[in-house]
């Protein structure tokens, strides 16, 4: 049996931003929202007693330089307690960038989509599933 090297102590929405400047922008965005792209950024902040705050930031925005555009962003904090005290730096990176993300992402995506839908975009679906292992490998190999 593999012992877990970490546990999730807390999860919460740290910051949330929705920018729809006016009705004209909203109507334009409604037409083009399916062309928007999802970006993901993960940062960490060490805490006391073997804890790390992991901030997963999702932003959904228009990749084109349209004058009329809406913007959606959520920062989701996950406080992770490191159980295994003998982790190598690379193992810790993999835990934060792959495993923790795989643990929290389904719920985070559901929250983010619901917020965007409640903002007036009820038909939005994120087609692509995020492969955190692939993203990690692309970044570090």
C-alpha atoms as a PDB file:
ATOM      1  CA  UNK A   1       0.000   0.000   0.000  1.00  0.00           C
ATOM      2  CA  UNK A   2       1.306   3.421  -0.939  1.00  0.00           C
ATOM      3  CA  UNK A   3       1.159   5.966   1.844  1.00  0.00           C
ATOM      4  CA  UNK A   4      -0.106   9.380   0.913  1.00  0.00           C
ATOM      5  CA  UNK A   5       2.644  11.978   0.810  1.00  0.00           C
ATOM      6  CA  UNK A   6       0.266  14.896   1.364  1.00  0.00           C
ATOM      7  CA  UNK A   7      -3.225  15.769   2.458  1.00  0.00           C
ATOM      8  CA  UNK A   8      -5.497  18.648   1.576  1.00  0.00           C
ATOM      9  CA  UNK A   9      -6.301  20.674   4.686  1.00  0.00           C
ATOM     10  CA  UNK A  10      -8.407  23.495   3.157  1.00  0.00           C
ATOM     11  CA  UNK A  11      -9.864  24.641  -0.164  1.00  0.00           C
ATOM     12  CA  UNK A  12     -11.500  27.990  -0.841  1.00  0.00           C
ATOM     13  CA  UNK A  13     -12.086  30.684  -3.451  1.00  0.00           C
ATOM     14  CA  UNK A  14      -9.419  33.293  -2.758  1.00  0.00           C
ATOM     15  CA  UNK A  15     -10.329  35.760  -5.492  1.00  0.00           C
ATOM     16  CA  UNK A  16     -12.922  36.050  -8.207  1.00  0.00           C
ATOM     17  CA  UNK A  17     -13.184  38.489 -11.084  1.00  0.00           C
ATOM     18  CA  UNK A  18     -15.781  38.843 -13.816  1.00  0.00           C
ATOM     19  CA  UNK A  19     -15.490  41.746 -16.180  1.00  0.00           C
ATOM     20  CA  UNK A  20     -18.318  42.486 -18.605  1.00  0.00           C
ATOM     21  CA  UNK A  21     -18.007  46.251 -19.187  1.00  0.00           C
ATOM     22  CA  UNK A  22     -21.461  46.852 -20.707  1.00  0.00           C
ATOM     23  CA  UNK A  23     -24.461  45.332 -22.518  1.00  0.00           C
ATOM     24  CA  UNK A  24     -22.865  45.742 -25.964  1.00  0.00           C
ATOM     25  CA  UNK A  25     -19.793  43.820 -24.755  1.00  0.00           C
ATOM     26  CA  UNK A  26     -22.015  41.177 -23.175  1.00  0.00           C
ATOM     27  CA  UNK A  27     -23.890  40.585 -26.444  1.00  0.00           C
ATOM     28  CA  UNK A  28     -20.623  40.421 -28.402  1.00  0.00           C
ATOM     29  CA  UNK A  29     -19.067  38.076 -25.820  1.00  0.00           C
ATOM     30  CA  UNK A  30     -22.123  35.826 -25.943  1.00  0.00           C
ATOM     31  CA  UNK A  31     -21.433  35.329 -29.684  1.00  0.00           C
ATOM     32  CA  UNK A  32     -17.718  34.609 -29.230  1.00  0.00           C
ATOM     33  CA  UNK A  33     -17.414  32.979 -25.803  1.00  0.00           C
ATOM     34  CA  UNK A  34     -16.821  29.543 -27.362  1.00  0.00           C
ATOM     35  CA  UNK A  35     -13.652  30.954 -28.970  1.00  0.00           C
ATOM     36  CA  UNK A  36     -12.296  32.092 -25.593  1.00  0.00           C
ATOM     37  CA  UNK A  37      -9.377  30.156 -24.175  1.00  0.00           C
ATOM     38  CA  UNK A  38      -8.750  28.781 -20.716  1.00  0.00           C
ATOM     39  CA  UNK A  39      -5.454  29.551 -19.022  1.00  0.00           C
ATOM     40  CA  UNK A  40      -4.145  27.925 -15.862  1.00  0.00           C
ATOM     41  CA  UNK A  41      -1.433  29.194 -13.556  1.00  0.00           C
ATOM     42  CA  UNK A  42      -0.272  27.548 -10.326  1.00  0.00           C
ATOM     43  CA  UNK A  43       1.705  29.373  -7.645  1.00  0.00           C
ATOM     44  CA  UNK A  44       2.689  28.371  -4.124  1.00  0.00           C
ATOM     45  CA  UNK A  45       3.385  30.053  -0.837  1.00  0.00           C
ATOM     46  CA  UNK A  46       5.088  28.152   1.984  1.00  0.00           C
ATOM     47  CA  UNK A  47       3.337  28.259   5.339  1.00  0.00           C
ATOM     48  CA  UNK A  48       4.248  27.062   8.827  1.00  0.00           C
ATOM     49  CA  UNK A  49       4.234  23.409   9.954  1.00  0.00           C
ATOM     50  CA  UNK A  50       4.853  21.673   6.625  1.00  0.00           C
ATOM     51  CA  UNK A  51       1.938  23.409   4.935  1.00  0.00           C
ATOM     52  CA  UNK A  52       1.901  24.960   1.484  1.00  0.00           C
ATOM     53  CA  UNK A  53      -0.730  27.256   0.049  1.00  0.00           C
ATOM     54  CA  UNK A  54      -1.272  26.307  -3.594  1.00  0.00           C
ATOM     55  CA  UNK A  55      -3.075  28.919  -5.680  1.00  0.00           C
ATOM     56  CA  UNK A  56      -4.628  27.606  -8.872  1.00  0.00           C
ATOM     57  CA  UNK A  57      -5.692  30.503 -11.069  1.00  0.00           C
ATOM     58  CA  UNK A  58      -7.990  29.923 -14.024  1.00  0.00           C
ATOM     59  CA  UNK A  59      -8.685  32.674 -16.501  1.00  0.00           C
ATOM     60  CA  UNK A  60     -11.048  32.476 -19.411  1.00  0.00           C
ATOM     61  CA  UNK A  61     -10.523  35.188 -21.978  1.00  0.00           C
ATOM     62  CA  UNK A  62     -10.734  36.211 -25.596  1.00  0.00           C
ATOM     63  CA  UNK A  63      -7.448  35.304 -27.298  1.00  0.00           C
ATOM     64  CA  UNK A  64      -8.211  37.729 -30.152  1.00  0.00           C
ATOM     65  CA  UNK A  65      -7.688  41.432 -29.692  1.00  0.00           C
ATOM     66  CA  UNK A  66     -11.368  42.323 -29.910  1.00  0.00           C
ATOM     67  CA  UNK A  67     -12.239  45.696 -28.426  1.00  0.00           C
ATOM     68  CA  UNK A  68     -15.365  44.195 -26.892  1.00  0.00           C
ATOM     69  CA  UNK A  69     -14.394  41.425 -24.535  1.00  0.00           C
ATOM     70  CA  UNK A  70     -15.326  39.898 -21.235  1.00  0.00           C
ATOM     71  CA  UNK A  71     -12.896  38.364 -18.765  1.00  0.00           C
ATOM     72  CA  UNK A  72     -13.352  35.688 -16.120  1.00  0.00           C
ATOM     73  CA  UNK A  73     -10.831  34.697 -13.473  1.00  0.00           C
ATOM     74  CA  UNK A  74     -10.842  32.636 -10.305  1.00  0.00           C
ATOM     75  CA  UNK A  75      -8.026  32.060  -7.813  1.00  0.00           C
ATOM     76  CA  UNK A  76      -8.603  28.902  -5.847  1.00  0.00           C
ATOM     77  CA  UNK A  77      -6.498  28.243  -2.780  1.00  0.00           C
ATOM     78  CA  UNK A  78      -5.672  24.770  -1.555  1.00  0.00           C
ATOM     79  CA  UNK A  79      -3.722  24.372   1.656  1.00  0.00           C
ATOM     80  CA  UNK A  80      -1.684  21.189   1.462  1.00  0.00           C
ATOM     81  CA  UNK A  81      -0.033  19.504   4.417  1.00  0.00           C
ATOM     82  CA  UNK A  82       3.087  17.569   3.465  1.00  0.00           C
ATOM     83  CA  UNK A  83       2.965  14.259   5.333  1.00  0.00           C
ATOM     84  CA  UNK A  84       6.166  12.752   3.933  1.00  0.00           C
ATOM     85  CA  UNK A  85       9.032  14.834   5.369  1.00  0.00           C
ATOM     86  CA  UNK A  86      11.639  13.275   3.047  1.00  0.00           C
ATOM     87  CA  UNK A  87      10.327  14.513  -0.278  1.00  0.00           C
ATOM     88  CA  UNK A  88      12.781  15.597  -2.928  1.00  0.00           C
ATOM     89  CA  UNK A  89      12.143  18.942  -4.649  1.00  0.00           C
ATOM     90  CA  UNK A  90      11.023  17.223  -7.868  1.00  0.00           C
ATOM     91  CA  UNK A  91       8.574  14.986  -5.998  1.00  0.00           C
ATOM     92  CA  UNK A  92       7.078  18.008  -4.266  1.00  0.00           C
ATOM     93  CA  UNK A  93       6.725  19.824  -7.611  1.00  0.00           C
ATOM     94  CA  UNK A  94       4.905  16.815  -9.068  1.00  0.00           C
ATOM     95  CA  UNK A  95       2.585  16.652  -6.059  1.00  0.00           C
ATOM     96  CA  UNK A  96       1.706  20.360  -6.354  1.00  0.00           C
ATOM     97  CA  UNK A  97       1.514  20.590 -10.138  1.00  0.00           C
ATOM     98  CA  UNK A  98      -0.034  17.202 -10.937  1.00  0.00           C
ATOM     99  CA  UNK A  99      -1.600  15.361  -8.000  1.00  0.00           C
ATOM    100  CA  UNK A 100      -3.097  18.290  -6.080  1.00  0.00           C
ATOM    101  CA  UNK A 101      -4.415  19.715  -9.366  1.00  0.00           C
ATOM    102  CA  UNK A 102      -5.983  16.377 -10.302  1.00  0.00           C
ATOM    103  CA  UNK A 103      -7.606  16.278  -6.850  1.00  0.00           C
ATOM    104  CA  UNK A 104      -9.082  19.780  -6.932  1.00  0.00           C
ATOM    105  CA  UNK A 105      -9.618  20.520 -10.626  1.00  0.00           C
ATOM    106  CA  UNK A 106     -12.956  18.750 -11.234  1.00  0.00           C
ATOM    107  CA  UNK A 107     -14.559  20.746  -8.410  1.00  0.00           C
ATOM    108  CA  UNK A 108     -12.782  23.975  -9.394  1.00  0.00           C
ATOM    109  CA  UNK A 109     -13.899  23.648 -13.023  1.00  0.00           C
ATOM    110  CA  UNK A 110     -17.495  23.042 -11.887  1.00  0.00           C
ATOM    111  CA  UNK A 111     -17.422  26.168  -9.673  1.00  0.00           C
ATOM    112  CA  UNK A 112     -15.820  28.309 -12.406  1.00  0.00           C
ATOM    113  CA  UNK A 113     -18.272  27.151 -15.084  1.00  0.00           C
ATOM    114  CA  UNK A 114     -21.216  27.750 -12.787  1.00  0.00           C
ATOM    115  CA  UNK A 115     -20.030  31.312 -12.075  1.00  0.00           C
ATOM    116  CA  UNK A 116     -19.596  32.026 -15.807  1.00  0.00           C
ATOM    117  CA  UNK A 117     -23.022  30.511 -16.542  1.00  0.00           C
ATOM    118  CA  UNK A 118     -24.624  32.579 -13.753  1.00  0.00           C
ATOM    119  CA  UNK A 119     -22.973  35.664 -15.299  1.00  0.00           C
ATOM    120  CA  UNK A 120     -25.231  35.208 -18.318  1.00  0.00           C
ATOM    121  CA  UNK A 121     -23.512  32.525 -20.411  1.00  0.00           C
ATOM    122  CA  UNK A 122     -25.704  29.477 -19.666  1.00  0.00           C
ATOM    123  CA  UNK A 123     -24.626  27.339 -22.619  1.00  0.00           C
ATOM    124  CA  UNK A 124     -20.890  27.356 -21.982  1.00  0.00           C
ATOM    125  CA  UNK A 125     -19.138  23.969 -21.839  1.00  0.00           C
ATOM    126  CA  UNK A 126     -15.385  23.458 -21.532  1.00  0.00           C
ATOM    127  CA  UNK A 127     -14.713  20.708 -24.053  1.00  0.00           C
ATOM    128  CA  UNK A 128     -11.068  20.004 -23.329  1.00  0.00           C
ATOM    129  CA  UNK A 129     -10.118  18.073 -20.248  1.00  0.00           C
ATOM    130  CA  UNK A 130      -6.929  19.338 -18.618  1.00  0.00           C
ATOM    131  CA  UNK A 131      -4.086  16.821 -18.467  1.00  0.00           C
ATOM    132  CA  UNK A 132      -1.866  18.091 -15.641  1.00  0.00           C
ATOM    133  CA  UNK A 133       0.733  15.377 -16.131  1.00  0.00           C
ATOM    134  CA  UNK A 134       1.115  16.344 -19.795  1.00  0.00           C
ATOM    135  CA  UNK A 135       1.362  20.051 -18.861  1.00  0.00           C
ATOM    136  CA  UNK A 136       4.021  19.245 -16.268  1.00  0.00           C
ATOM    137  CA  UNK A 137       6.022  17.175 -18.758  1.00  0.00           C
ATOM    138  CA  UNK A 138       5.815  19.937 -21.393  1.00  0.00           C
ATOM    139  CA  UNK A 139       7.071  22.487 -18.879  1.00  0.00           C
ATOM    140  CA  UNK A 140       9.942  20.468 -17.429  1.00  0.00           C
ATOM    141  CA  UNK A 141      11.110  18.302 -20.356  1.00  0.00           C
END
